N, C-alpha and C. Protein backbone atom coordinates (compact mmCIF):
# COMPACT_ATOMS: atom_id res chain seq x y z
N MET A 1 0.85 -1.18 0.00
CA MET A 1 0.00 0.00 0.00
C MET A 1 0.90 1.24 0.00
N ILE A 2 0.41 2.25 -0.69
CA ILE A 2 1.14 3.52 -0.75
C ILE A 2 0.15 4.67 -0.56
N ARG A 3 0.58 5.66 0.20
CA ARG A 3 -0.26 6.83 0.44
C ARG A 3 0.30 8.01 -0.34
N TYR A 4 -0.59 8.67 -1.07
CA TYR A 4 -0.19 9.86 -1.82
C TYR A 4 -0.92 11.07 -1.29
N ALA A 5 -0.21 12.19 -1.26
CA ALA A 5 -0.84 13.48 -1.03
C ALA A 5 -1.32 13.92 -2.41
N LEU A 6 -2.58 14.32 -2.52
CA LEU A 6 -3.17 14.68 -3.81
C LEU A 6 -3.68 16.12 -3.77
N LYS A 7 -3.81 16.70 -4.97
CA LYS A 7 -4.29 18.08 -5.08
C LYS A 7 -5.10 18.19 -6.36
N CYS A 8 -6.25 18.87 -6.28
CA CYS A 8 -7.07 19.08 -7.48
C CYS A 8 -6.76 20.45 -8.06
N THR A 9 -7.33 20.73 -9.23
CA THR A 9 -7.08 22.01 -9.89
C THR A 9 -7.65 23.20 -9.12
N GLU A 10 -8.59 22.94 -8.20
CA GLU A 10 -9.15 24.01 -7.37
C GLU A 10 -8.30 24.29 -6.14
N GLY A 11 -7.21 23.51 -5.96
CA GLY A 11 -6.30 23.72 -4.84
C GLY A 11 -6.64 22.93 -3.59
N HIS A 12 -7.67 22.07 -3.64
CA HIS A 12 -8.00 21.25 -2.47
C HIS A 12 -6.95 20.14 -2.32
N ARG A 13 -6.50 19.95 -1.10
CA ARG A 13 -5.49 18.92 -0.82
C ARG A 13 -6.12 17.82 0.04
N PHE A 14 -5.76 16.57 -0.25
CA PHE A 14 -6.24 15.43 0.51
C PHE A 14 -5.30 14.26 0.29
N ASP A 15 -5.40 13.24 1.13
CA ASP A 15 -4.57 12.04 1.01
C ASP A 15 -5.45 10.87 0.62
N SER A 16 -4.83 9.88 -0.03
CA SER A 16 -5.54 8.65 -0.36
C SER A 16 -4.54 7.51 -0.47
N TRP A 17 -4.99 6.31 -0.15
CA TRP A 17 -4.17 5.11 -0.20
C TRP A 17 -4.46 4.35 -1.49
N PHE A 18 -3.40 3.75 -2.05
CA PHE A 18 -3.52 2.96 -3.27
C PHE A 18 -2.76 1.66 -3.10
N GLN A 19 -3.17 0.65 -3.84
CA GLN A 19 -2.53 -0.66 -3.74
C GLN A 19 -1.06 -0.57 -4.15
N SER A 20 -0.76 0.26 -5.15
CA SER A 20 0.61 0.44 -5.62
C SER A 20 0.68 1.72 -6.43
N ALA A 21 1.90 2.10 -6.80
CA ALA A 21 2.07 3.28 -7.65
C ALA A 21 1.41 3.03 -9.01
N ALA A 22 1.52 1.81 -9.52
CA ALA A 22 0.91 1.46 -10.80
C ALA A 22 -0.62 1.54 -10.71
N ALA A 23 -1.17 1.15 -9.56
CA ALA A 23 -2.63 1.21 -9.37
C ALA A 23 -3.09 2.67 -9.42
N PHE A 24 -2.32 3.57 -8.79
CA PHE A 24 -2.67 4.99 -8.86
C PHE A 24 -2.66 5.47 -10.31
N ASP A 25 -1.58 5.14 -11.04
CA ASP A 25 -1.46 5.59 -12.43
C ASP A 25 -2.61 5.07 -13.28
N LYS A 26 -3.00 3.82 -13.08
CA LYS A 26 -4.10 3.22 -13.85
C LYS A 26 -5.43 3.92 -13.54
N LEU A 27 -5.71 4.13 -12.24
CA LEU A 27 -6.96 4.79 -11.85
C LEU A 27 -6.99 6.24 -12.33
N ALA A 28 -5.87 6.93 -12.19
CA ALA A 28 -5.81 8.33 -12.63
C ALA A 28 -5.99 8.41 -14.15
N GLY A 29 -5.36 7.50 -14.88
CA GLY A 29 -5.48 7.47 -16.33
C GLY A 29 -6.90 7.19 -16.80
N ALA A 30 -7.66 6.43 -16.00
CA ALA A 30 -9.05 6.11 -16.34
C ALA A 30 -10.02 7.17 -15.82
N GLY A 31 -9.49 8.21 -15.16
CA GLY A 31 -10.35 9.28 -14.63
C GLY A 31 -11.18 8.83 -13.45
N MET A 32 -10.70 7.84 -12.70
CA MET A 32 -11.47 7.29 -11.58
C MET A 32 -11.04 7.84 -10.23
N ILE A 33 -10.24 8.90 -10.22
CA ILE A 33 -9.86 9.55 -8.97
C ILE A 33 -10.46 10.95 -9.01
N SER A 34 -11.13 11.32 -7.94
CA SER A 34 -11.72 12.65 -7.89
C SER A 34 -11.44 13.31 -6.55
N CYS A 35 -11.53 14.62 -6.55
CA CYS A 35 -11.27 15.41 -5.35
C CYS A 35 -12.29 15.07 -4.27
N ALA A 36 -11.81 14.88 -3.06
CA ALA A 36 -12.67 14.54 -1.93
C ALA A 36 -13.52 15.73 -1.49
N VAL A 37 -13.17 16.94 -1.93
CA VAL A 37 -13.90 18.13 -1.52
C VAL A 37 -14.89 18.60 -2.59
N CYS A 38 -14.40 18.78 -3.83
CA CYS A 38 -15.26 19.36 -4.88
C CYS A 38 -15.67 18.37 -5.95
N GLY A 39 -15.07 17.18 -5.97
CA GLY A 39 -15.44 16.17 -6.96
C GLY A 39 -14.72 16.30 -8.28
N SER A 40 -13.82 17.25 -8.44
CA SER A 40 -13.08 17.44 -9.69
C SER A 40 -12.30 16.18 -10.03
N ALA A 41 -12.31 15.78 -11.31
CA ALA A 41 -11.56 14.60 -11.76
C ALA A 41 -10.13 14.98 -12.14
N GLU A 42 -9.80 16.25 -12.07
CA GLU A 42 -8.45 16.69 -12.40
C GLU A 42 -7.62 16.72 -11.11
N VAL A 43 -7.04 15.55 -10.78
CA VAL A 43 -6.29 15.37 -9.54
C VAL A 43 -4.88 14.91 -9.89
N ARG A 44 -3.90 15.46 -9.18
CA ARG A 44 -2.52 15.04 -9.40
C ARG A 44 -1.84 14.84 -8.04
N LYS A 45 -0.70 14.16 -8.08
CA LYS A 45 0.07 13.97 -6.86
C LYS A 45 0.61 15.32 -6.41
N ASP A 46 0.64 15.51 -5.11
CA ASP A 46 1.15 16.76 -4.54
C ASP A 46 2.48 16.47 -3.85
N LEU A 47 3.21 17.51 -3.57
CA LEU A 47 4.48 17.38 -2.87
C LEU A 47 4.23 16.80 -1.48
N MET A 48 5.03 15.79 -1.10
CA MET A 48 4.86 15.19 0.22
C MET A 48 6.21 14.72 0.74
N ALA A 49 6.32 14.63 2.05
CA ALA A 49 7.55 14.17 2.67
C ALA A 49 7.58 12.65 2.68
N PRO A 50 8.70 12.05 2.35
CA PRO A 50 8.78 10.58 2.37
C PRO A 50 8.77 10.05 3.80
N SER A 51 8.30 8.85 3.95
CA SER A 51 8.32 8.18 5.25
C SER A 51 9.56 7.29 5.26
N VAL A 52 10.55 7.66 6.09
CA VAL A 52 11.83 6.96 6.10
C VAL A 52 12.08 6.36 7.47
N SER A 53 12.50 5.10 7.49
CA SER A 53 12.86 4.44 8.74
C SER A 53 14.35 4.57 8.93
N ALA A 54 14.78 5.01 10.11
CA ALA A 54 16.20 5.21 10.37
C ALA A 54 16.67 4.21 11.42
N GLY A 55 17.05 3.03 10.98
CA GLY A 55 17.66 2.06 11.87
C GLY A 55 16.70 1.39 12.83
N GLU A 56 17.11 1.33 14.10
CA GLU A 56 16.36 0.64 15.14
C GLU A 56 14.98 1.23 15.33
N PRO A 57 13.96 0.37 15.38
CA PRO A 57 12.63 0.90 15.67
C PRO A 57 12.58 1.44 17.09
N GLN A 58 11.98 2.59 17.24
CA GLN A 58 11.87 3.22 18.55
C GLN A 58 10.40 3.41 18.89
N ALA A 59 10.14 3.48 20.16
CA ALA A 59 8.77 3.72 20.58
C ALA A 59 8.32 5.08 20.09
N VAL A 60 7.17 5.12 19.50
CA VAL A 60 6.64 6.36 18.96
C VAL A 60 5.48 6.81 19.84
N THR A 61 5.54 8.05 20.25
CA THR A 61 4.43 8.58 21.03
C THR A 61 3.63 9.50 20.13
N ALA A 62 2.36 9.37 20.22
CA ALA A 62 1.48 10.20 19.39
C ALA A 62 1.52 11.63 19.87
N PRO A 63 1.55 12.58 18.93
CA PRO A 63 1.53 13.98 19.35
C PRO A 63 0.17 14.31 19.97
N ALA A 64 0.18 15.30 20.81
CA ALA A 64 -1.08 15.73 21.44
C ALA A 64 -2.01 16.24 20.35
N PRO A 65 -3.29 15.93 20.45
CA PRO A 65 -4.22 16.43 19.43
C PRO A 65 -4.28 17.96 19.46
N PRO A 66 -4.45 18.58 18.28
CA PRO A 66 -4.51 20.04 18.28
C PRO A 66 -5.74 20.54 19.01
N GLU A 67 -5.61 21.72 19.59
CA GLU A 67 -6.75 22.33 20.27
C GLU A 67 -7.82 22.65 19.24
N ARG A 68 -9.02 22.24 19.51
CA ARG A 68 -10.12 22.50 18.59
C ARG A 68 -11.19 23.29 19.32
N PRO A 69 -11.82 24.20 18.61
CA PRO A 69 -12.91 24.94 19.25
C PRO A 69 -14.09 24.01 19.50
N GLU A 70 -14.84 24.33 20.53
CA GLU A 70 -16.03 23.53 20.84
C GLU A 70 -17.03 23.64 19.71
N ARG A 71 -17.60 22.49 19.32
CA ARG A 71 -18.65 22.47 18.30
C ARG A 71 -19.53 21.27 18.58
N PRO A 72 -20.78 21.34 18.22
CA PRO A 72 -21.65 20.19 18.43
C PRO A 72 -21.16 19.00 17.60
N LEU A 73 -21.30 17.80 18.13
CA LEU A 73 -20.86 16.61 17.40
C LEU A 73 -21.62 16.44 16.10
N SER A 74 -22.82 16.98 15.99
CA SER A 74 -23.61 16.82 14.78
C SER A 74 -23.16 17.76 13.67
N ALA A 75 -22.37 18.78 13.99
CA ALA A 75 -21.92 19.72 12.98
C ALA A 75 -20.75 19.13 12.21
N PRO A 76 -20.74 19.28 10.88
CA PRO A 76 -19.62 18.75 10.09
C PRO A 76 -18.30 19.40 10.51
N ALA A 77 -17.25 18.60 10.57
CA ALA A 77 -15.95 19.12 10.96
C ALA A 77 -15.24 19.76 9.79
N HIS A 78 -15.65 19.48 8.58
CA HIS A 78 -14.94 19.94 7.41
C HIS A 78 -15.93 20.16 6.27
N PRO A 79 -15.65 21.11 5.38
CA PRO A 79 -16.56 21.33 4.24
C PRO A 79 -16.77 20.07 3.39
N ALA A 80 -15.79 19.18 3.35
CA ALA A 80 -15.94 17.95 2.58
C ALA A 80 -17.09 17.11 3.13
N GLU A 81 -17.27 17.12 4.44
CA GLU A 81 -18.38 16.37 5.03
C GLU A 81 -19.71 16.93 4.58
N GLN A 82 -19.79 18.25 4.47
CA GLN A 82 -21.02 18.87 4.00
C GLN A 82 -21.30 18.47 2.56
N VAL A 83 -20.28 18.45 1.73
CA VAL A 83 -20.44 18.06 0.33
C VAL A 83 -20.89 16.61 0.24
N LEU A 84 -20.28 15.74 1.04
CA LEU A 84 -20.67 14.32 1.02
C LEU A 84 -22.11 14.12 1.48
N ARG A 85 -22.53 14.88 2.49
CA ARG A 85 -23.91 14.76 2.96
C ARG A 85 -24.89 15.20 1.88
N ARG A 86 -24.57 16.32 1.20
CA ARG A 86 -25.45 16.79 0.11
C ARG A 86 -25.47 15.79 -1.04
N MET A 87 -24.30 15.23 -1.36
CA MET A 87 -24.23 14.24 -2.44
C MET A 87 -25.06 13.02 -2.10
N ARG A 88 -24.94 12.53 -0.88
CA ARG A 88 -25.70 11.36 -0.45
C ARG A 88 -27.20 11.64 -0.54
N ALA A 89 -27.62 12.80 -0.05
CA ALA A 89 -29.05 13.14 -0.09
C ALA A 89 -29.55 13.20 -1.53
N PHE A 90 -28.75 13.76 -2.42
CA PHE A 90 -29.14 13.84 -3.83
C PHE A 90 -29.26 12.44 -4.44
N VAL A 91 -28.26 11.59 -4.21
CA VAL A 91 -28.28 10.23 -4.75
C VAL A 91 -29.49 9.47 -4.22
N GLU A 92 -29.74 9.56 -2.92
CA GLU A 92 -30.87 8.83 -2.33
C GLU A 92 -32.21 9.34 -2.84
N LYS A 93 -32.31 10.64 -3.12
CA LYS A 93 -33.56 11.22 -3.59
C LYS A 93 -33.81 10.92 -5.07
N HIS A 94 -32.75 10.91 -5.88
CA HIS A 94 -32.91 10.85 -7.32
C HIS A 94 -32.53 9.52 -7.96
N SER A 95 -32.28 8.48 -7.17
CA SER A 95 -31.98 7.18 -7.76
C SER A 95 -32.56 6.07 -6.89
N GLU A 96 -32.67 4.91 -7.49
CA GLU A 96 -33.25 3.76 -6.79
C GLU A 96 -32.13 2.89 -6.23
N ASN A 97 -32.23 2.54 -4.96
CA ASN A 97 -31.26 1.64 -4.34
C ASN A 97 -31.66 0.21 -4.67
N VAL A 98 -30.88 -0.44 -5.53
CA VAL A 98 -31.16 -1.83 -5.91
C VAL A 98 -30.30 -2.81 -5.10
N GLY A 99 -29.57 -2.28 -4.13
CA GLY A 99 -28.79 -3.12 -3.21
C GLY A 99 -27.81 -4.04 -3.91
N ARG A 100 -27.85 -5.31 -3.51
CA ARG A 100 -26.91 -6.30 -4.05
C ARG A 100 -27.25 -6.73 -5.48
N ASN A 101 -28.36 -6.28 -6.01
CA ASN A 101 -28.73 -6.59 -7.40
C ASN A 101 -28.17 -5.57 -8.37
N PHE A 102 -27.25 -4.72 -7.91
CA PHE A 102 -26.75 -3.63 -8.74
C PHE A 102 -26.15 -4.12 -10.06
N VAL A 103 -25.29 -5.12 -10.01
CA VAL A 103 -24.60 -5.59 -11.22
C VAL A 103 -25.61 -6.08 -12.25
N GLN A 104 -26.55 -6.93 -11.82
CA GLN A 104 -27.55 -7.47 -12.75
C GLN A 104 -28.43 -6.35 -13.30
N GLU A 105 -28.84 -5.44 -12.44
CA GLU A 105 -29.75 -4.37 -12.86
C GLU A 105 -29.03 -3.40 -13.81
N ALA A 106 -27.77 -3.08 -13.54
CA ALA A 106 -27.01 -2.17 -14.41
C ALA A 106 -26.84 -2.79 -15.80
N ARG A 107 -26.54 -4.09 -15.84
CA ARG A 107 -26.41 -4.77 -17.15
C ARG A 107 -27.74 -4.76 -17.89
N ALA A 108 -28.83 -5.04 -17.18
CA ALA A 108 -30.15 -5.09 -17.81
C ALA A 108 -30.53 -3.71 -18.36
N ILE A 109 -30.27 -2.66 -17.61
CA ILE A 109 -30.57 -1.30 -18.09
C ILE A 109 -29.72 -0.99 -19.32
N HIS A 110 -28.44 -1.32 -19.26
CA HIS A 110 -27.53 -1.05 -20.37
C HIS A 110 -27.95 -1.81 -21.64
N ALA A 111 -28.46 -3.03 -21.46
CA ALA A 111 -28.88 -3.85 -22.60
C ALA A 111 -30.29 -3.49 -23.08
N GLY A 112 -30.99 -2.61 -22.38
CA GLY A 112 -32.35 -2.24 -22.76
C GLY A 112 -33.39 -3.24 -22.30
N GLU A 113 -33.01 -4.15 -21.40
CA GLU A 113 -33.92 -5.17 -20.90
C GLU A 113 -34.69 -4.70 -19.66
N ALA A 114 -34.29 -3.57 -19.10
CA ALA A 114 -34.97 -2.99 -17.94
C ALA A 114 -35.13 -1.50 -18.22
N PRO A 115 -36.13 -0.88 -17.60
CA PRO A 115 -36.34 0.55 -17.84
C PRO A 115 -35.12 1.39 -17.43
N ALA A 116 -34.77 2.35 -18.27
CA ALA A 116 -33.64 3.24 -17.97
C ALA A 116 -34.00 4.13 -16.79
N ARG A 117 -33.13 4.17 -15.79
CA ARG A 117 -33.35 4.99 -14.61
C ARG A 117 -32.04 5.03 -13.83
N PRO A 118 -31.84 6.06 -13.03
CA PRO A 118 -30.64 6.10 -12.19
C PRO A 118 -30.78 5.11 -11.03
N ILE A 119 -29.73 4.32 -10.82
CA ILE A 119 -29.73 3.35 -9.72
C ILE A 119 -28.42 3.46 -8.95
N HIS A 120 -28.44 2.95 -7.73
CA HIS A 120 -27.22 2.78 -6.96
C HIS A 120 -27.37 1.51 -6.14
N GLY A 121 -26.25 0.97 -5.70
CA GLY A 121 -26.27 -0.26 -4.93
C GLY A 121 -24.87 -0.73 -4.63
N GLN A 122 -24.74 -2.04 -4.47
CA GLN A 122 -23.46 -2.61 -4.07
C GLN A 122 -22.92 -3.54 -5.15
N ALA A 123 -21.60 -3.47 -5.34
CA ALA A 123 -20.90 -4.36 -6.26
C ALA A 123 -19.49 -4.56 -5.72
N ARG A 124 -18.97 -5.76 -5.89
CA ARG A 124 -17.57 -6.00 -5.51
C ARG A 124 -16.69 -5.28 -6.53
N PRO A 125 -15.49 -4.88 -6.14
CA PRO A 125 -14.62 -4.13 -7.06
C PRO A 125 -14.41 -4.84 -8.40
N GLU A 126 -14.23 -6.15 -8.38
CA GLU A 126 -14.00 -6.86 -9.65
C GLU A 126 -15.26 -6.85 -10.53
N GLU A 127 -16.44 -6.87 -9.91
CA GLU A 127 -17.68 -6.78 -10.67
C GLU A 127 -17.83 -5.40 -11.31
N ALA A 128 -17.53 -4.36 -10.55
CA ALA A 128 -17.62 -3.00 -11.07
C ALA A 128 -16.62 -2.81 -12.22
N ARG A 129 -15.43 -3.38 -12.07
CA ARG A 129 -14.42 -3.29 -13.12
C ARG A 129 -14.93 -3.96 -14.40
N LYS A 130 -15.56 -5.13 -14.28
CA LYS A 130 -16.09 -5.83 -15.45
C LYS A 130 -17.20 -5.01 -16.12
N LEU A 131 -18.07 -4.40 -15.31
CA LEU A 131 -19.10 -3.55 -15.88
C LEU A 131 -18.49 -2.41 -16.71
N ALA A 132 -17.48 -1.76 -16.15
CA ALA A 132 -16.82 -0.65 -16.85
C ALA A 132 -16.18 -1.14 -18.14
N GLU A 133 -15.54 -2.31 -18.10
CA GLU A 133 -14.92 -2.88 -19.30
C GLU A 133 -15.96 -3.22 -20.36
N GLU A 134 -17.19 -3.55 -19.94
CA GLU A 134 -18.27 -3.86 -20.88
C GLU A 134 -18.93 -2.60 -21.43
N GLY A 135 -18.52 -1.44 -20.93
CA GLY A 135 -19.09 -0.19 -21.40
C GLY A 135 -20.29 0.28 -20.60
N VAL A 136 -20.59 -0.40 -19.51
CA VAL A 136 -21.71 0.02 -18.66
C VAL A 136 -21.21 1.19 -17.80
N PRO A 137 -21.88 2.36 -17.88
CA PRO A 137 -21.40 3.51 -17.10
C PRO A 137 -21.65 3.31 -15.61
N VAL A 138 -20.58 3.20 -14.84
CA VAL A 138 -20.65 3.05 -13.39
C VAL A 138 -19.62 3.96 -12.74
N ALA A 139 -19.86 4.31 -11.50
CA ALA A 139 -18.90 5.11 -10.73
C ALA A 139 -19.06 4.74 -9.26
N PRO A 140 -17.95 4.69 -8.52
CA PRO A 140 -18.06 4.38 -7.09
C PRO A 140 -18.64 5.56 -6.32
N LEU A 141 -19.39 5.25 -5.28
CA LEU A 141 -19.92 6.29 -4.40
C LEU A 141 -18.95 6.48 -3.24
N PRO A 142 -18.78 7.71 -2.76
CA PRO A 142 -17.86 7.94 -1.64
C PRO A 142 -18.51 7.65 -0.28
N PHE A 143 -19.58 6.85 -0.28
CA PHE A 143 -20.23 6.47 0.96
C PHE A 143 -20.87 5.10 0.75
N ASP A 144 -21.19 4.41 1.83
CA ASP A 144 -21.85 3.11 1.77
C ASP A 144 -23.35 3.34 1.74
N PRO A 145 -24.02 2.96 0.63
CA PRO A 145 -25.45 3.21 0.55
C PRO A 145 -26.27 2.43 1.58
N GLU A 146 -25.69 1.38 2.15
CA GLU A 146 -26.40 0.58 3.14
C GLU A 146 -26.27 1.15 4.55
N ALA A 147 -25.27 2.01 4.77
CA ALA A 147 -25.08 2.60 6.11
C ALA A 147 -26.12 3.67 6.33
N LYS A 148 -26.55 3.80 7.58
CA LYS A 148 -27.55 4.83 7.93
C LYS A 148 -26.93 6.20 7.77
N SER A 149 -27.69 7.12 7.17
CA SER A 149 -27.18 8.50 7.06
C SER A 149 -27.69 9.30 8.25
N ASN A 150 -26.95 10.37 8.56
CA ASN A 150 -27.32 11.22 9.69
C ASN A 150 -28.32 12.24 9.29
């Protein structure tokens, strides 16, 4: 696993983990990486400090958490959380949750065997990859549609 610092064209910075450097290049080349804040697909690696081990492993103590102003736990801690909440509400309002039948339903819609409509649901990564290779338009959601929303 490798962690990259990323930056979109709007200047938003965020980190993400990838299986390998080649996996990042493949996903970026396919336009499957987007900004965690604004959703822009124009994302590139940002300058980051390397993680280097210097000899004998030593006990590491976690730094003290930064002082944060008091805020209600229900309030989003970051603008990205607000964007994700709005995105989730939009997806839930304007598409049908087909759950674990997503792969079959997406293929049926693509083949014209089921009525065309926006859907969302669950698919294993290899299933989603096969759908994309078959030309079925799919995209991962940045949230679990089965998890309860706040």
